[in-house]
Amino acid sequence: MSKVSKNARRVGEKELTSRWGGKIVMKGLFKNGRLTYYATCEKSGNKARRPRDLM
């Protein structure tokens, strides 16, 4: 039996859904010399700093 790393086990990862029924996706933006991440709802296009702000 081969050993599977903890990072390879993410196949069954849950999909986050927003309160508008769309899928929540994390995106990155390079701004002022830094990479900042934000959450986006694919259905409504709303953006927030954290995924839980869209739930």
PDB file of N, CA and C in Angstrom:
ATOM      1  N   MET A   1       0.841  -1.176   0.000  1.00  0.00           N
ATOM      2  CA  MET A   1       0.000   0.000   0.000  1.00  0.00           C
ATOM      3  C   MET A   1       0.888   1.243   0.000  1.00  0.00           C
ATOM      4  N   SER A   2       0.639   2.100  -0.966  1.00  0.00           N
ATOM      5  CA  SER A   2       1.478   3.292  -1.055  1.00  0.00           C
ATOM      6  C   SER A   2       0.932   4.387  -0.141  1.00  0.00           C
ATOM      7  N   LYS A   3       1.848   5.161   0.387  1.00  0.00           N
ATOM      8  CA  LYS A   3       1.461   6.233   1.300  1.00  0.00           C
ATOM      9  C   LYS A   3       1.073   7.471   0.482  1.00  0.00           C
ATOM     10  N   VAL A   4      -0.019   8.106   0.864  1.00  0.00           N
ATOM     11  CA  VAL A   4      -0.500   9.297   0.186  1.00  0.00           C
ATOM     12  C   VAL A   4      -0.255  10.494   1.099  1.00  0.00           C
ATOM     13  N   SER A   5       0.330  11.533   0.547  1.00  0.00           N
ATOM     14  CA  SER A   5       0.629  12.708   1.361  1.00  0.00           C
ATOM     15  C   SER A   5      -0.651  13.437   1.738  1.00  0.00           C
ATOM     16  N   LYS A   6      -0.568  14.245   2.785  1.00  0.00           N
ATOM     17  CA  LYS A   6      -1.755  14.971   3.238  1.00  0.00           C
ATOM     18  C   LYS A   6      -2.218  15.996   2.200  1.00  0.00           C
ATOM     19  N   ASN A   7      -1.305  16.517   1.400  1.00  0.00           N
ATOM     20  CA  ASN A   7      -1.690  17.487   0.375  1.00  0.00           C
ATOM     21  C   ASN A   7      -2.389  16.816  -0.797  1.00  0.00           C
ATOM     22  N   ALA A   8      -2.116  15.557  -1.044  1.00  0.00           N
ATOM     23  CA  ALA A   8      -2.750  14.843  -2.138  1.00  0.00           C
ATOM     24  C   ALA A   8      -4.159  14.397  -1.778  1.00  0.00           C
ATOM     25  N   ARG A   9      -4.541  14.506  -0.517  1.00  0.00           N
ATOM     26  CA  ARG A   9      -5.863  14.085  -0.082  1.00  0.00           C
ATOM     27  C   ARG A   9      -6.929  15.143  -0.294  1.00  0.00           C
ATOM     28  N   ARG A  10      -6.606  16.230  -0.916  1.00  0.00           N
ATOM     29  CA  ARG A  10      -7.545  17.339  -1.084  1.00  0.00           C
ATOM     30  C   ARG A  10      -8.541  17.110  -2.214  1.00  0.00           C
ATOM     31  N   VAL A  11      -8.543  15.928  -2.797  1.00  0.00           N
ATOM     32  CA  VAL A  11      -9.445  15.641  -3.903  1.00  0.00           C
ATOM     33  C   VAL A  11     -10.903  15.757  -3.459  1.00  0.00           C
ATOM     34  N   GLY A  12     -11.225  15.301  -2.272  1.00  0.00           N
ATOM     35  CA  GLY A  12     -12.585  15.352  -1.768  1.00  0.00           C
ATOM     36  C   GLY A  12     -12.917  16.648  -1.054  1.00  0.00           C
ATOM     37  N   GLU A  13     -12.230  17.694  -1.403  1.00  0.00           N
ATOM     38  CA  GLU A  13     -12.400  18.983  -0.734  1.00  0.00           C
ATOM     39  C   GLU A  13     -13.815  19.528  -0.957  1.00  0.00           C
ATOM     40  N   LYS A  14     -14.382  20.127   0.072  1.00  0.00           N
ATOM     41  CA  LYS A  14     -15.724  20.689  -0.036  1.00  0.00           C
ATOM     42  C   LYS A  14     -15.709  21.940  -0.890  1.00  0.00           C
ATOM     43  N   GLU A  15     -16.807  22.138  -1.594  1.00  0.00           N
ATOM     44  CA  GLU A  15     -16.960  23.328  -2.409  1.00  0.00           C
ATOM     45  C   GLU A  15     -17.724  24.363  -1.596  1.00  0.00           C
ATOM     46  N   LEU A  16     -17.194  25.559  -1.468  1.00  0.00           N
ATOM     47  CA  LEU A  16     -17.859  26.604  -0.704  1.00  0.00           C
ATOM     48  C   LEU A  16     -18.909  27.279  -1.572  1.00  0.00           C
ATOM     49  N   THR A  17     -20.092  27.503  -1.020  1.00  0.00           N
ATOM     50  CA  THR A  17     -21.150  28.188  -1.760  1.00  0.00           C
ATOM     51  C   THR A  17     -21.536  29.463  -1.028  1.00  0.00           C
ATOM     52  N   SER A  18     -21.831  30.480  -1.796  1.00  0.00           N
ATOM     53  CA  SER A  18     -22.201  31.769  -1.211  1.00  0.00           C
ATOM     54  C   SER A  18     -23.689  31.805  -0.920  1.00  0.00           C
ATOM     55  N   ARG A  19     -24.120  32.877  -0.282  1.00  0.00           N
ATOM     56  CA  ARG A  19     -25.555  33.008   0.037  1.00  0.00           C
ATOM     57  C   ARG A  19     -26.390  33.270  -1.209  1.00  0.00           C
ATOM     58  N   TRP A  20     -25.748  33.599  -2.339  1.00  0.00           N
ATOM     59  CA  TRP A  20     -26.455  33.795  -3.597  1.00  0.00           C
ATOM     60  C   TRP A  20     -26.486  32.514  -4.441  1.00  0.00           C
ATOM     61  N   GLY A  21     -25.886  31.454  -3.926  1.00  0.00           N
ATOM     62  CA  GLY A  21     -25.936  30.165  -4.605  1.00  0.00           C
ATOM     63  C   GLY A  21     -24.784  29.886  -5.539  1.00  0.00           C
ATOM     64  N   GLY A  22     -23.827  30.777  -5.624  1.00  0.00           N
ATOM     65  CA  GLY A  22     -22.671  30.572  -6.495  1.00  0.00           C
ATOM     66  C   GLY A  22     -21.504  29.953  -5.754  1.00  0.00           C
ATOM     67  N   LYS A  23     -20.532  29.493  -6.514  1.00  0.00           N
ATOM     68  CA  LYS A  23     -19.324  28.891  -5.947  1.00  0.00           C
ATOM     69  C   LYS A  23     -18.360  30.005  -5.539  1.00  0.00           C
ATOM     70  N   ILE A  24     -17.726  29.853  -4.382  1.00  0.00           N
ATOM     71  CA  ILE A  24     -16.750  30.841  -3.903  1.00  0.00           C
ATOM     72  C   ILE A  24     -15.361  30.409  -4.336  1.00  0.00           C
ATOM     73  N   VAL A  25     -14.646  31.331  -4.997  1.00  0.00           N
ATOM     74  CA  VAL A  25     -13.309  31.066  -5.509  1.00  0.00           C
ATOM     75  C   VAL A  25     -12.359  32.112  -4.950  1.00  0.00           C
ATOM     76  N   MET A  26     -11.168  31.673  -4.555  1.00  0.00           N
ATOM     77  CA  MET A  26     -10.150  32.613  -4.083  1.00  0.00           C
ATOM     78  C   MET A  26      -9.301  33.068  -5.272  1.00  0.00           C
ATOM     79  N   LYS A  27      -9.042  34.366  -5.340  1.00  0.00           N
ATOM     80  CA  LYS A  27      -8.225  34.929  -6.409  1.00  0.00           C
ATOM     81  C   LYS A  27      -7.160  35.818  -5.792  1.00  0.00           C
ATOM     82  N   GLY A  28      -6.073  36.046  -6.538  1.00  0.00           N
ATOM     83  CA  GLY A  28      -4.986  36.882  -6.061  1.00  0.00           C
ATOM     84  C   GLY A  28      -4.842  38.122  -6.906  1.00  0.00           C
ATOM     85  N   LEU A  29      -4.400  39.208  -6.288  1.00  0.00           N
ATOM     86  CA  LEU A  29      -4.208  40.470  -6.975  1.00  0.00           C
ATOM     87  C   LEU A  29      -2.868  41.063  -6.538  1.00  0.00           C
ATOM     88  N   PHE A  30      -2.026  41.377  -7.500  1.00  0.00           N
ATOM     89  CA  PHE A  30      -0.726  41.979  -7.202  1.00  0.00           C
ATOM     90  C   PHE A  30      -0.908  43.485  -7.145  1.00  0.00           C
ATOM     91  N   LYS A  31      -0.796  44.062  -5.937  1.00  0.00           N
ATOM     92  CA  LYS A  31      -1.069  45.476  -5.746  1.00  0.00           C
ATOM     93  C   LYS A  31      -0.061  46.053  -4.756  1.00  0.00           C
ATOM     94  N   ASN A  32       0.533  47.165  -5.091  1.00  0.00           N
ATOM     95  CA  ASN A  32       1.528  47.845  -4.251  1.00  0.00           C
ATOM     96  C   ASN A  32       2.686  46.934  -3.866  1.00  0.00           C
ATOM     97  N   GLY A  33       3.120  46.098  -4.777  1.00  0.00           N
ATOM     98  CA  GLY A  33       4.244  45.209  -4.518  1.00  0.00           C
ATOM     99  C   GLY A  33       3.922  44.009  -3.660  1.00  0.00           C
ATOM    100  N   ARG A  34       2.649  43.770  -3.387  1.00  0.00           N
ATOM    101  CA  ARG A  34       2.237  42.630  -2.568  1.00  0.00           C
ATOM    102  C   ARG A  34       1.148  41.846  -3.277  1.00  0.00           C
ATOM    103  N   LEU A  35       1.076  40.586  -2.941  1.00  0.00           N
ATOM    104  CA  LEU A  35       0.025  39.729  -3.461  1.00  0.00           C
ATOM    105  C   LEU A  35      -1.064  39.605  -2.398  1.00  0.00           C
ATOM    106  N   THR A  36      -2.246  40.107  -2.703  1.00  0.00           N
ATOM    107  CA  THR A  36      -3.358  40.019  -1.762  1.00  0.00           C
ATOM    108  C   THR A  36      -4.418  39.088  -2.342  1.00  0.00           C
ATOM    109  N   TYR A  37      -5.033  38.298  -1.480  1.00  0.00           N
ATOM    110  CA  TYR A  37      -6.054  37.351  -1.912  1.00  0.00           C
ATOM    111  C   TYR A  37      -7.424  37.840  -1.502  1.00  0.00           C
ATOM    112  N   TYR A  38      -8.416  37.533  -2.326  1.00  0.00           N
ATOM    113  CA  TYR A  38      -9.790  37.878  -2.004  1.00  0.00           C
ATOM    114  C   TYR A  38     -10.716  36.793  -2.530  1.00  0.00           C
ATOM    115  N   ALA A  39     -11.890  36.711  -1.941  1.00  0.00           N
ATOM    116  CA  ALA A  39     -12.879  35.705  -2.333  1.00  0.00           C
ATOM    117  C   ALA A  39     -13.869  36.340  -3.293  1.00  0.00           C
ATOM    118  N   THR A  40     -14.303  35.557  -4.291  1.00  0.00           N
ATOM    119  CA  THR A  40     -15.254  36.027  -5.288  1.00  0.00           C
ATOM    120  C   THR A  40     -16.364  34.999  -5.467  1.00  0.00           C
ATOM    121  N   CYS A  41     -17.577  35.470  -5.572  1.00  0.00           N
ATOM    122  CA  CYS A  41     -18.710  34.602  -5.891  1.00  0.00           C
ATOM    123  C   CYS A  41     -18.816  34.547  -7.413  1.00  0.00           C
ATOM    124  N   GLU A  42     -18.818  33.333  -7.978  1.00  0.00           N
ATOM    125  CA  GLU A  42     -18.865  33.205  -9.429  1.00  0.00           C
ATOM    126  C   GLU A  42     -20.217  33.600 -10.009  1.00  0.00           C
ATOM    127  N   LYS A  43     -21.277  33.438  -9.253  1.00  0.00           N
ATOM    128  CA  LYS A  43     -22.618  33.719  -9.768  1.00  0.00           C
ATOM    129  C   LYS A  43     -22.936  35.214  -9.748  1.00  0.00           C
ATOM    130  N   SER A  44     -22.721  35.863  -8.601  1.00  0.00           N
ATOM    131  CA  SER A  44     -23.098  37.273  -8.452  1.00  0.00           C
ATOM    132  C   SER A  44     -21.946  38.234  -8.741  1.00  0.00           C
ATOM    133  N   GLY A  45     -20.704  37.748  -8.639  1.00  0.00           N
ATOM    134  CA  GLY A  45     -19.552  38.614  -8.876  1.00  0.00           C
ATOM    135  C   GLY A  45     -19.144  39.430  -7.661  1.00  0.00           C
ATOM    136  N   ASN A  46     -19.765  39.193  -6.515  1.00  0.00           N
ATOM    137  CA  ASN A  46     -19.417  39.921  -5.288  1.00  0.00           C
ATOM    138  C   ASN A  46     -18.037  39.507  -4.816  1.00  0.00           C
ATOM    139  N   LYS A  47     -17.315  40.468  -4.235  1.00  0.00           N
ATOM    140  CA  LYS A  47     -15.966  40.214  -3.725  1.00  0.00           C
ATOM    141  C   LYS A  47     -15.918  40.523  -2.235  1.00  0.00           C
ATOM    142  N   ALA A  48     -15.089  39.772  -1.518  1.00  0.00           N
ATOM    143  CA  ALA A  48     -14.896  40.007  -0.088  1.00  0.00           C
ATOM    144  C   ALA A  48     -13.489  39.582   0.279  1.00  0.00           C
ATOM    145  N   ARG A  49     -13.033  40.030   1.437  1.00  0.00           N
ATOM    146  CA  ARG A  49     -11.688  39.696   1.891  1.00  0.00           C
ATOM    147  C   ARG A  49     -11.570  38.232   2.266  1.00  0.00           C
ATOM    148  N   ARG A  50     -12.626  37.692   2.893  1.00  0.00           N
ATOM    149  CA  ARG A  50     -12.629  36.284   3.326  1.00  0.00           C
ATOM    150  C   ARG A  50     -13.825  35.567   2.724  1.00  0.00           C
ATOM    151  N   PRO A  51     -13.701  34.259   2.519  1.00  0.00           N
ATOM    152  CA  PRO A  51     -14.835  33.485   1.985  1.00  0.00           C
ATOM    153  C   PRO A  51     -16.047  33.516   2.915  1.00  0.00           C
ATOM    154  N   ARG A  52     -15.826  33.554   4.215  1.00  0.00           N
ATOM    155  CA  ARG A  52     -16.965  33.485   5.141  1.00  0.00           C
ATOM    156  C   ARG A  52     -17.804  34.768   5.085  1.00  0.00           C
ATOM    157  N   ASP A  53     -17.242  35.869   4.560  1.00  0.00           N
ATOM    158  CA  ASP A  53     -18.021  37.095   4.414  1.00  0.00           C
ATOM    159  C   ASP A  53     -19.088  36.962   3.320  1.00  0.00           C
ATOM    160  N   LEU A  54     -18.904  36.011   2.419  1.00  0.00           N
ATOM    161  CA  LEU A  54     -19.874  35.790   1.345  1.00  0.00           C
ATOM    162  C   LEU A  54     -20.890  34.712   1.683  1.00  0.00           C
ATOM    163  N   MET A  55     -20.696  34.019   2.796  1.00  0.00           N
ATOM    164  CA  MET A  55     -21.605  32.924   3.137  1.00  0.00           C
ATOM    165  C   MET A  55     -22.833  33.443   3.869  1.00  0.00           C
TER     166      MET A  55
END
